[in-house]
Amino acid sequence: MIDIFPEIRAMALAAPAPSAPARPVATAVDDAFVAALVQLLGDRVSTAQAVREQHGRDESYHDVEAPDVVVFPETTEEVAEVVKLCAAHAVPIIPFGTGTSLEGGVAATRGGVCIDVSRMNQILRVSTDDLDVTVQAGVTRKQLNEHLKTTGLFFPIDPGADASLGGMAATRASGTNAVRYGTMRENVLSLTVVMPDGRIVKTARRARKSSAGYDLTRLFVGSEGTLCVITEVTLRLYGVPEAISAAVCPFETLEGAVRTVIQTIQMGIPVARVELLDELSVKAVNAYSKLDNPVQPTLFFEFHGTEAGVVEQAEMVQAIAGEHGGGDFRFATLAEDRNALWQARHNAYYASLRLKPGSKGWPTDVCVPISQLADAILETRKDLESSSLMAPMVGHVGDGNFHLVFLVDPENPDDLKEAQRLNDRLVERALAFGGTCTGEHGVGLGKRDFLIAEHGEAISVMRQLKQALDPQGIMNPGKVLRP
């Protein structure tokens, strides 16, 4: 495999910017500008260093890059007023939800104003008849599902962290349930957004399908704050299944676990979740969550449906697993047992950090067509076995998505260089297999140079869209596309 990404990275840095009107010179965020924000929002404006630094980092290894000021609006109209003020002075804007992103997407690379939507946490409307809900962008997924408990409905997208739904839409998040219920792309019906000039736009109506006009909803889902500030989200809801059962199955080999997943998906068995943990991840999760799983490649399953349907699904998957070296299934049918199991899986990132005290996580993910999953994972494993870095592997493998966490000492240049080398090879391999450089983490700062290899000439179209909608370049500058 030819290592092409150093050259592509150099091209990205050297490429001339497309011709565009000269941008206004940014106004410094000085006392007068802060005073104008205070006039709009009162005491919901902060320039405290601790608050600024908290809003200049996510859960990844990327350095803190703090904004100049953080604001806490409570309505779409307040967001619009803040954006209008920033636009008038060419001040950068960085939307912020809960800060659980993994690719440096909230770093304030040019300072500016961080718009924290956490106080926009109202559930505005629930329609049990239409199976949809409208929420403010700061509502978190756990908050929404707690609110829905008495309705018989739930929202299935589950990236692990208790992320804000606005942030999940902005990063096109998915997670453990995506194999059955899809990602945010499939489950966002409409958005209310504030454009870079302060206009308030609603992208669609509540109808489940429409042929009316450009699909602005899909444009803004996954835009990572570079085109707008998302303030309200309308989402699909689903009925809580009659029966739910989770199971854990260890395997003799990593290949056997992956082959089981591929065969399960190709046979059309409607599993709700299929999660892979390699031996290192199992070791970490056992220690962190006080579990006793065998330290072997392991699959976590969840089955949804009728009582009979769940039993049938589990029996079919057990038979497939047995053909590929799978051990006995350990079932969890009680809600508290299932919740403990999945919470342990969701804590895998923090568990991994405990394997190397003092380290920071360099998380990364790719996604490949399901037919290529075994080759992608096994070749990645070979790279890791010959590396000096420790890198636990997990994956939402039912849809071809898997993750690594390189455990690095950010003060050690050799660690960072090796992580970059391994990450380049991981992405190059995924693209060669017809996959993508990121299945769900997003681009942020960490993956932007890979977009050239993945999208080619389409990058120029993305730049034209960015220029047309955000001519001043104030929306989350430096993310997704290099300036």
Protein backbone atom coordinates (compact mmCIF):
# COMPACT_ATOMS: atom_id res chain seq x y z
CA MET A 1 0.00 0.00 0.00
CA ILE A 2 1.51 3.35 -1.08
CA ASP A 3 1.56 6.01 1.62
CA ILE A 4 -0.11 8.93 -0.15
CA PHE A 5 -1.37 11.06 2.71
CA PRO A 6 1.79 13.05 3.51
CA GLU A 7 1.74 14.26 -0.11
CA ILE A 8 -2.00 15.01 0.03
CA ARG A 9 -1.53 16.92 3.27
CA ALA A 10 1.20 19.01 1.64
CA MET A 11 -1.09 19.67 -1.34
CA ALA A 12 -3.85 20.84 0.98
CA LEU A 13 -1.52 23.28 2.68
CA ALA A 14 -0.12 24.60 -0.59
CA ALA A 15 -3.31 24.77 -2.66
CA PRO A 16 -4.38 28.33 -3.52
CA ALA A 17 -7.72 29.47 -2.15
CA PRO A 18 -10.56 29.87 -4.68
CA SER A 19 -11.12 33.41 -5.87
CA ALA A 20 -13.54 35.23 -3.60
CA PRO A 21 -14.40 38.79 -2.53
CA ALA A 22 -12.01 40.23 0.02
CA ARG A 23 -13.19 39.51 3.54
CA PRO A 24 -13.67 42.34 6.03
CA VAL A 25 -10.92 42.70 8.59
CA ALA A 26 -12.09 41.08 11.82
CA THR A 27 -12.78 43.35 14.75
CA ALA A 28 -11.00 42.42 17.95
CA VAL A 29 -13.27 41.09 20.67
CA ASP A 30 -12.63 44.06 22.92
CA ASP A 31 -14.47 45.53 25.89
CA ALA A 32 -16.91 47.40 23.64
CA PHE A 33 -17.84 44.23 21.75
CA VAL A 34 -18.31 42.30 25.00
CA ALA A 35 -20.44 45.14 26.34
CA ALA A 36 -22.66 44.85 23.27
CA LEU A 37 -23.09 41.12 23.97
CA VAL A 38 -23.94 41.88 27.62
CA GLN A 39 -26.56 44.32 26.42
CA LEU A 40 -28.14 41.46 24.46
CA LEU A 41 -27.85 38.64 27.02
CA GLY A 42 -27.10 40.19 30.40
CA ASP A 43 -25.12 37.95 32.72
CA ARG A 44 -25.22 35.06 30.22
CA VAL A 45 -21.89 36.25 28.80
CA SER A 46 -18.55 35.04 30.17
CA THR A 47 -14.94 35.99 29.55
CA ALA A 48 -13.64 33.95 32.49
CA GLN A 49 -10.54 32.00 31.52
CA ALA A 50 -11.80 28.69 32.96
CA VAL A 51 -15.09 28.97 31.04
CA ARG A 52 -13.30 29.92 27.83
CA GLU A 53 -10.84 27.03 28.10
CA GLN A 54 -13.66 24.58 28.86
CA HIS A 55 -15.27 25.64 25.57
CA GLY A 56 -12.05 25.42 23.55
CA ARG A 57 -11.59 21.66 23.78
CA ASP A 58 -13.40 18.40 23.17
CA GLU A 59 -12.66 14.81 24.27
CA SER A 60 -9.69 14.34 21.93
CA TYR A 61 -5.94 14.96 22.02
CA HIS A 62 -6.24 18.32 20.22
CA ASP A 63 -4.84 21.34 22.05
CA VAL A 64 -7.15 23.78 23.81
CA GLU A 65 -7.91 26.79 21.62
CA ALA A 66 -10.17 29.02 23.67
CA PRO A 67 -12.69 31.51 22.31
CA ASP A 68 -12.53 35.14 23.44
CA VAL A 69 -15.99 35.04 24.97
CA VAL A 70 -18.73 32.47 25.64
CA VAL A 71 -22.44 33.28 25.43
CA PHE A 72 -25.45 31.28 26.64
CA PRO A 73 -28.58 32.16 24.62
CA GLU A 74 -31.95 30.64 25.44
CA THR A 75 -33.91 31.21 22.22
CA THR A 76 -33.39 31.13 18.47
CA GLU A 77 -34.00 34.88 18.37
CA GLU A 78 -31.19 35.49 20.86
CA VAL A 79 -28.83 33.37 18.77
CA ALA A 80 -29.80 35.42 15.72
CA GLU A 81 -29.00 38.69 17.50
CA VAL A 82 -25.58 37.39 18.59
CA VAL A 83 -24.82 36.21 15.05
CA LYS A 84 -25.87 39.55 13.56
CA LEU A 85 -23.50 41.33 15.93
CA CYS A 86 -20.64 38.97 15.03
CA ALA A 87 -21.37 39.33 11.32
CA ALA A 88 -21.30 43.12 11.56
CA HIS A 89 -17.79 42.92 13.03
CA ALA A 90 -16.49 39.82 11.17
CA VAL A 91 -16.02 37.99 14.49
CA PRO A 92 -15.76 34.16 14.31
CA ILE A 93 -18.60 32.03 15.72
CA ILE A 94 -18.19 28.53 17.19
CA PRO A 95 -21.39 26.63 18.10
CA PHE A 96 -21.04 24.42 21.20
CA GLY A 97 -23.28 21.66 22.56
CA THR A 98 -21.75 19.44 25.26
CA GLY A 99 -18.15 19.29 24.05
CA THR A 100 -18.11 15.52 23.51
CA SER A 101 -16.85 15.62 19.92
CA LEU A 102 -13.65 13.79 18.99
CA GLU A 103 -11.92 15.66 16.14
CA GLY A 104 -11.26 19.14 17.52
CA GLY A 105 -14.52 20.48 16.13
CA VAL A 106 -15.05 23.11 18.86
CA ALA A 107 -11.53 24.56 18.98
CA ALA A 108 -11.60 28.32 18.49
CA THR A 109 -8.81 28.49 15.94
CA ARG A 110 -9.29 32.25 15.43
CA GLY A 111 -10.80 33.16 18.79
CA GLY A 112 -14.22 34.76 18.57
CA VAL A 113 -17.57 33.97 20.20
CA CYS A 114 -18.58 30.51 21.36
CA ILE A 115 -22.36 30.07 21.31
CA ASP A 116 -23.17 27.48 24.00
CA VAL A 117 -26.71 26.15 23.40
CA SER A 118 -26.92 24.15 26.65
CA ARG A 119 -29.60 26.50 28.05
CA MET A 120 -31.71 25.93 24.96
CA ASN A 121 -32.99 22.72 26.52
CA GLN A 122 -36.75 22.78 26.01
CA ILE A 123 -38.73 19.94 24.42
CA LEU A 124 -41.11 22.01 22.33
CA ARG A 125 -43.56 19.45 20.94
CA VAL A 126 -44.17 15.69 20.95
CA SER A 127 -46.56 14.04 18.49
CA THR A 128 -47.29 10.44 19.48
CA ASP A 129 -49.58 10.10 16.45
CA ASP A 130 -46.97 11.26 13.95
CA LEU A 131 -44.00 9.70 15.79
CA ASP A 132 -41.96 12.89 15.84
CA VAL A 133 -40.67 15.52 18.26
CA THR A 134 -39.27 19.05 18.08
CA VAL A 135 -36.58 20.09 20.56
CA GLN A 136 -34.23 22.96 21.13
CA ALA A 137 -30.66 22.20 20.15
CA GLY A 138 -29.36 21.89 23.73
CA VAL A 139 -31.65 19.00 24.67
CA THR A 140 -29.56 15.85 25.19
CA ARG A 141 -30.49 12.39 23.98
CA LYS A 142 -30.89 11.05 27.55
CA GLN A 143 -33.08 14.01 28.50
CA LEU A 144 -35.32 13.35 25.51
CA ASN A 145 -35.71 9.64 26.20
CA GLU A 146 -36.46 10.32 29.87
CA HIS A 147 -39.20 12.72 28.76
CA LEU A 148 -40.61 10.09 26.37
CA LYS A 149 -40.77 7.29 28.97
CA THR A 150 -44.55 7.47 29.45
CA THR A 151 -45.35 7.73 25.72
CA GLY A 152 -44.20 4.28 24.58
CA LEU A 153 -41.78 5.98 22.18
CA PHE A 154 -38.02 6.48 22.12
CA PHE A 155 -35.26 8.12 20.10
CA PRO A 156 -32.72 5.46 19.11
CA ILE A 157 -29.58 7.30 17.99
CA ASP A 158 -27.02 6.58 20.68
CA PRO A 159 -23.44 7.78 20.16
CA GLY A 160 -22.48 6.86 23.72
CA ALA A 161 -21.93 10.28 25.23
CA ASP A 162 -24.98 12.20 26.42
CA ALA A 163 -24.54 14.60 23.53
CA SER A 164 -26.84 17.47 22.64
CA LEU A 165 -29.23 16.73 19.80
CA GLY A 166 -28.14 19.89 17.99
CA GLY A 167 -24.55 18.72 18.18
CA MET A 168 -25.53 15.25 17.02
CA ALA A 169 -27.25 16.78 13.99
CA ALA A 170 -24.27 19.02 13.32
CA THR A 171 -21.85 16.07 13.28
CA ARG A 172 -24.25 13.61 11.60
CA ALA A 173 -23.81 11.32 14.61
CA SER A 174 -24.88 7.70 14.82
CA GLY A 175 -23.77 5.02 17.29
CA THR A 176 -24.68 1.57 18.50
CA ASN A 177 -28.25 1.45 17.15
CA ALA A 178 -27.41 2.68 13.65
CA VAL A 179 -27.42 -0.79 12.09
CA ARG A 180 -31.20 -0.94 12.58
CA TYR A 181 -32.39 2.66 12.97
CA GLY A 182 -29.93 4.59 10.83
CA THR A 183 -27.98 7.75 11.69
CA MET A 184 -28.96 11.36 12.31
CA ARG A 185 -29.08 11.77 8.53
CA GLU A 186 -32.10 9.44 8.35
CA ASN A 187 -33.76 10.66 11.54
CA VAL A 188 -33.72 14.46 11.28
CA LEU A 189 -36.92 15.67 9.61
CA SER A 190 -36.34 19.41 9.85
CA LEU A 191 -34.05 22.03 11.37
CA THR A 192 -34.35 25.62 12.47
CA VAL A 193 -31.01 27.32 11.87
CA VAL A 194 -29.47 30.76 12.12
CA MET A 195 -27.49 31.64 9.00
CA PRO A 196 -24.15 33.49 9.10
CA ASP A 197 -25.91 36.83 8.49
CA GLY A 198 -28.45 36.25 11.27
CA ARG A 199 -31.41 35.09 9.18
CA ILE A 200 -33.59 32.43 10.81
CA VAL A 201 -34.40 29.59 8.40
CA LYS A 202 -36.60 26.52 8.80
CA THR A 203 -35.34 23.85 6.40
CA ALA A 204 -38.47 21.68 5.93
CA ARG A 205 -41.97 20.83 7.11
CA ARG A 206 -42.88 17.77 9.20
CA ALA A 207 -44.04 15.60 6.30
CA ARG A 208 -42.13 12.31 6.07
CA LYS A 209 -41.23 12.97 2.44
CA SER A 210 -41.14 15.95 0.11
CA SER A 211 -39.98 16.82 -3.41
CA ALA A 212 -40.18 20.57 -2.81
CA GLY A 213 -36.91 22.40 -3.39
CA TYR A 214 -33.32 21.75 -2.38
CA ASP A 215 -32.82 19.48 0.62
CA LEU A 216 -31.38 22.03 3.03
CA THR A 217 -31.91 19.72 5.98
CA ARG A 218 -29.37 17.21 4.63
CA LEU A 219 -26.99 20.03 3.74
CA PHE A 220 -26.86 21.29 7.31
CA VAL A 221 -26.86 17.85 8.97
CA GLY A 222 -23.15 17.10 9.21
CA SER A 223 -21.98 20.65 8.47
CA GLU A 224 -20.25 20.87 11.88
CA GLY A 225 -21.18 24.49 12.53
CA THR A 226 -19.43 25.73 9.38
CA LEU A 227 -22.62 26.84 7.59
CA CYS A 228 -25.08 27.77 10.35
CA VAL A 229 -26.01 27.51 14.02
CA ILE A 230 -28.62 24.79 14.61
CA THR A 231 -31.19 25.96 17.18
CA GLU A 232 -34.12 23.50 16.84
CA VAL A 233 -34.34 19.93 15.58
CA THR A 234 -37.38 17.86 14.54
CA LEU A 235 -36.72 14.13 14.87
CA ARG A 236 -38.31 10.78 14.07
CA LEU A 237 -39.41 8.68 17.01
CA TYR A 238 -39.98 4.91 17.26
CA GLY A 239 -42.17 2.64 19.31
CA VAL A 240 -40.44 0.88 22.21
CA PRO A 241 -40.12 -2.79 21.14
CA GLU A 242 -42.27 -5.39 22.86
CA ALA A 243 -39.15 -7.37 23.79
CA ILE A 244 -35.45 -6.49 24.03
CA SER A 245 -32.61 -8.88 24.73
CA ALA A 246 -28.86 -8.25 24.84
CA ALA A 247 -26.12 -10.85 24.61
CA VAL A 248 -22.35 -11.08 24.87
CA CYS A 249 -20.35 -13.67 22.89
CA PRO A 250 -16.54 -14.21 23.03
CA PHE A 251 -14.67 -15.58 20.01
CA GLU A 252 -11.51 -17.56 19.51
CA THR A 253 -10.29 -15.09 16.87
CA LEU A 254 -10.95 -11.54 15.76
CA GLU A 255 -11.64 -12.82 12.25
CA GLY A 256 -14.30 -15.19 13.56
CA ALA A 257 -16.11 -12.33 15.28
CA VAL A 258 -16.03 -10.15 12.17
CA ARG A 259 -17.15 -12.98 9.86
CA THR A 260 -20.12 -13.56 12.19
CA VAL A 261 -21.16 -9.93 11.78
CA ILE A 262 -20.84 -10.00 8.01
CA GLN A 263 -22.91 -13.17 7.68
CA THR A 264 -25.55 -11.86 10.09
CA ILE A 265 -26.02 -8.67 8.10
CA GLN A 266 -25.94 -10.39 4.71
CA MET A 267 -28.64 -12.82 5.86
CA GLY A 268 -30.89 -9.90 6.75
CA ILE A 269 -31.26 -10.72 10.44
CA PRO A 270 -32.64 -7.45 11.90
CA VAL A 271 -30.27 -7.04 14.84
CA ALA A 272 -30.54 -3.68 16.61
CA ARG A 273 -26.92 -3.49 17.76
CA VAL A 274 -23.71 -5.36 16.96
CA GLU A 275 -20.61 -4.07 18.75
CA LEU A 276 -17.08 -5.44 18.46
CA LEU A 277 -14.42 -5.18 21.17
CA ASP A 278 -10.94 -6.57 20.64
CA GLU A 279 -9.00 -8.23 23.47
CA LEU A 280 -7.42 -4.96 24.61
CA SER A 281 -10.79 -3.21 24.77
CA VAL A 282 -12.33 -6.10 26.71
CA LYS A 283 -9.45 -5.94 29.21
CA ALA A 284 -9.97 -2.20 29.63
CA VAL A 285 -13.76 -2.43 29.95
CA ASN A 286 -13.51 -5.27 32.47
CA ALA A 287 -11.22 -3.25 34.71
CA TYR A 288 -13.13 0.04 34.36
CA SER A 289 -16.68 -1.34 34.72
CA LYS A 290 -15.83 -4.30 36.99
CA LEU A 291 -16.96 -6.99 34.53
CA ASP A 292 -15.66 -10.52 34.06
CA ASN A 293 -15.87 -11.05 30.31
CA PRO A 294 -13.26 -13.46 28.86
CA VAL A 295 -10.36 -11.43 27.46
CA GLN A 296 -11.05 -12.45 23.87
CA PRO A 297 -12.47 -10.71 20.80
CA THR A 298 -16.10 -10.17 21.77
CA LEU A 299 -19.39 -9.16 20.18
CA PHE A 300 -22.17 -7.36 22.06
CA PHE A 301 -25.60 -7.89 20.48
CA GLU A 302 -29.06 -6.48 21.06
CA PHE A 303 -32.27 -7.85 19.57
CA HIS A 304 -35.57 -5.93 19.30
CA GLY A 305 -39.03 -7.18 18.35
CA THR A 306 -41.75 -9.48 19.60
CA GLU A 307 -40.97 -12.11 22.22
CA ALA A 308 -40.89 -14.80 19.54
CA GLY A 309 -38.98 -12.62 17.09
CA VAL A 310 -36.23 -11.83 19.58
CA VAL A 311 -35.78 -15.52 20.39
CA GLU A 312 -35.63 -16.39 16.68
CA GLN A 313 -33.05 -13.66 15.94
CA ALA A 314 -30.85 -14.77 18.83
CA GLU A 315 -30.99 -18.43 17.81
CA MET A 316 -30.02 -17.60 14.22
CA VAL A 317 -27.07 -15.46 15.32
CA GLN A 318 -25.95 -18.09 17.82
CA ALA A 319 -25.82 -20.65 15.04
CA ILE A 320 -23.73 -18.32 12.86
CA ALA A 321 -21.38 -17.51 15.73
CA GLY A 322 -20.89 -21.20 16.43
CA GLU A 323 -19.64 -21.72 12.89
CA HIS A 324 -16.96 -19.05 13.44
CA GLY A 325 -15.57 -20.02 16.81
CA GLY A 326 -18.05 -18.17 19.00
CA GLY A 327 -18.56 -19.24 22.60
CA ASP A 328 -21.70 -19.35 24.71
CA PHE A 329 -24.07 -16.39 24.65
CA ARG A 330 -24.55 -14.58 27.97
CA PHE A 331 -27.99 -12.95 27.84
CA ALA A 332 -29.32 -9.84 29.58
CA THR A 333 -33.07 -9.30 29.34
CA LEU A 334 -33.74 -7.11 32.39
CA ALA A 335 -33.53 -3.39 31.63
CA GLU A 336 -31.01 -2.71 34.40
CA ASP A 337 -28.71 -5.50 33.17
CA ARG A 338 -28.88 -4.29 29.57
CA ASN A 339 -28.24 -0.70 30.64
CA ALA A 340 -25.17 -1.78 32.62
CA LEU A 341 -23.87 -3.72 29.63
CA TRP A 342 -24.25 -0.84 27.21
CA GLN A 343 -22.95 1.71 29.67
CA ALA A 344 -19.80 -0.40 29.93
CA ARG A 345 -19.51 -0.34 26.14
CA HIS A 346 -20.07 3.40 26.03
CA ASN A 347 -17.33 3.91 28.63
CA ALA A 348 -14.79 2.06 26.48
CA TYR A 349 -13.00 5.31 25.56
CA TYR A 350 -12.45 6.31 29.19
CA ALA A 351 -11.62 2.71 30.07
CA SER A 352 -8.96 2.68 27.36
CA LEU A 353 -7.25 5.76 28.81
CA ARG A 354 -6.76 3.84 32.07
CA LEU A 355 -4.58 1.32 30.22
CA LYS A 356 -1.83 3.94 29.98
CA PRO A 357 -2.12 6.40 32.88
CA GLY A 358 -1.25 9.95 31.89
CA SER A 359 -1.96 9.35 28.22
CA LYS A 360 -4.42 11.20 26.02
CA GLY A 361 -6.66 9.57 23.49
CA TRP A 362 -6.25 10.11 19.75
CA PRO A 363 -9.58 8.63 18.64
CA THR A 364 -10.24 7.86 15.01
CA ASP A 365 -12.80 5.95 12.98
CA VAL A 366 -13.45 4.77 9.44
CA CYS A 367 -16.35 3.00 7.75
CA VAL A 368 -16.19 0.49 4.89
CA PRO A 369 -18.72 -1.57 2.93
CA ILE A 370 -19.69 -4.59 5.02
CA SER A 371 -18.11 -7.00 2.50
CA GLN A 372 -14.72 -5.35 3.10
CA LEU A 373 -14.95 -5.22 6.89
CA ALA A 374 -12.90 -8.33 7.68
CA ASP A 375 -9.99 -7.33 5.45
CA ALA A 376 -10.01 -3.76 6.77
CA ILE A 377 -9.98 -4.85 10.42
CA LEU A 378 -7.45 -7.65 10.03
CA GLU A 379 -4.99 -5.51 8.05
CA THR A 380 -5.38 -2.78 10.67
CA ARG A 381 -4.64 -5.33 13.38
CA LYS A 382 -1.37 -6.23 11.61
CA ASP A 383 -0.34 -2.58 11.66
CA LEU A 384 -1.07 -2.33 15.38
CA GLU A 385 0.83 -5.51 16.23
CA SER A 386 4.01 -4.05 14.75
CA SER A 387 3.58 -0.64 16.38
CA SER A 388 4.95 0.78 19.61
CA LEU A 389 1.58 2.39 20.40
CA MET A 390 -1.26 0.82 22.34
CA ALA A 391 -4.55 1.22 20.44
CA PRO A 392 -7.74 -0.56 21.60
CA MET A 393 -10.28 -1.29 18.84
CA VAL A 394 -14.07 -1.13 19.07
CA GLY A 395 -16.68 -0.90 16.38
CA HIS A 396 -20.32 -0.45 15.38
CA VAL A 397 -19.49 -3.24 13.00
CA GLY A 398 -23.04 -3.95 11.86
CA ASP A 399 -22.69 -1.02 9.46
CA GLY A 400 -18.97 -1.38 8.73
CA ASN A 401 -17.80 1.29 11.18
CA PHE A 402 -14.89 0.72 13.57
CA HIS A 403 -12.75 2.85 15.86
CA LEU A 404 -9.26 3.00 17.32
CA VAL A 405 -7.97 5.00 20.26
CA PHE A 406 -4.23 5.65 19.98
CA LEU A 407 -2.93 6.18 23.52
CA VAL A 408 -0.34 8.92 23.15
CA ASP A 409 1.82 11.15 25.28
CA PRO A 410 1.08 14.54 23.69
CA GLU A 411 4.52 15.76 24.80
CA ASN A 412 6.24 12.91 22.94
CA PRO A 413 6.79 13.75 19.23
CA ASP A 414 7.47 10.08 18.45
CA ASP A 415 4.04 9.07 19.79
CA LEU A 416 2.29 11.71 17.73
CA LYS A 417 4.25 10.83 14.59
CA GLU A 418 3.44 7.13 14.98
CA ALA A 419 -0.25 7.83 15.60
CA GLN A 420 -0.35 9.99 12.46
CA ARG A 421 1.32 7.22 10.44
CA LEU A 422 -1.12 4.58 11.65
CA ASN A 423 -4.08 6.88 11.13
CA ASP A 424 -2.96 7.67 7.57
CA ARG A 425 -2.72 3.96 6.78
CA LEU A 426 -6.11 3.28 8.35
CA VAL A 427 -7.82 5.94 6.25
CA GLU A 428 -5.96 5.06 3.05
CA ARG A 429 -7.05 1.44 3.47
CA ALA A 430 -10.67 2.42 4.10
CA LEU A 431 -10.75 4.59 0.97
CA ALA A 432 -9.17 1.82 -1.10
CA PHE A 433 -12.03 -0.45 0.03
CA GLY A 434 -14.66 2.08 -1.06
CA GLY A 435 -15.14 3.47 2.45
CA THR A 436 -14.89 6.85 4.16
CA CYS A 437 -12.35 8.60 6.39
CA THR A 438 -14.94 9.01 9.15
CA GLY A 439 -18.11 7.06 9.77
CA GLU A 440 -19.41 9.21 12.62
CA HIS A 441 -16.73 11.26 14.41
CA GLY A 442 -16.87 14.01 11.83
CA VAL A 443 -14.05 15.98 10.21
CA GLY A 444 -13.29 18.90 12.52
CA LEU A 445 -9.56 19.58 12.49
CA GLY A 446 -8.41 15.99 12.57
CA LYS A 447 -9.72 14.61 9.27
CA ARG A 448 -9.94 17.63 6.98
CA ASP A 449 -6.89 16.80 4.86
CA PHE A 450 -8.28 13.35 4.04
CA LEU A 451 -11.30 14.89 2.30
CA ILE A 452 -9.23 15.63 -0.80
CA ALA A 453 -8.47 11.94 -1.32
CA GLU A 454 -12.07 10.96 -0.54
CA HIS A 455 -14.01 13.57 -2.50
CA GLY A 456 -11.71 14.89 -5.20
CA GLU A 457 -13.31 17.61 -7.29
CA ALA A 458 -16.36 17.66 -5.00
CA ILE A 459 -14.20 19.65 -2.57
CA SER A 460 -14.41 22.62 -4.94
CA VAL A 461 -18.21 22.43 -4.80
CA MET A 462 -18.10 22.33 -0.99
CA ARG A 463 -15.89 25.42 -1.03
CA GLN A 464 -18.36 27.20 -3.32
CA LEU A 465 -21.21 26.37 -0.94
CA LYS A 466 -19.20 27.62 2.02
CA GLN A 467 -18.31 30.84 0.20
CA ALA A 468 -21.90 31.45 -0.89
CA LEU A 469 -23.43 30.92 2.54
CA ASP A 470 -20.61 32.27 4.71
CA PRO A 471 -18.70 34.83 2.61
CA GLN A 472 -16.93 36.27 5.66
CA GLY A 473 -15.74 32.84 6.75
CA ILE A 474 -16.90 33.41 10.33
CA MET A 475 -18.71 30.10 10.94
CA ASN A 476 -16.45 27.71 12.87
CA PRO A 477 -13.40 28.69 10.78
CA GLY A 478 -10.78 26.08 9.97
CA LYS A 479 -13.07 23.07 10.37
CA VAL A 480 -13.96 20.55 7.63
CA LEU A 481 -12.30 22.63 4.88
CA ARG A 482 -8.98 24.38 5.34
CA PRO A 483 -9.33 28.18 5.15
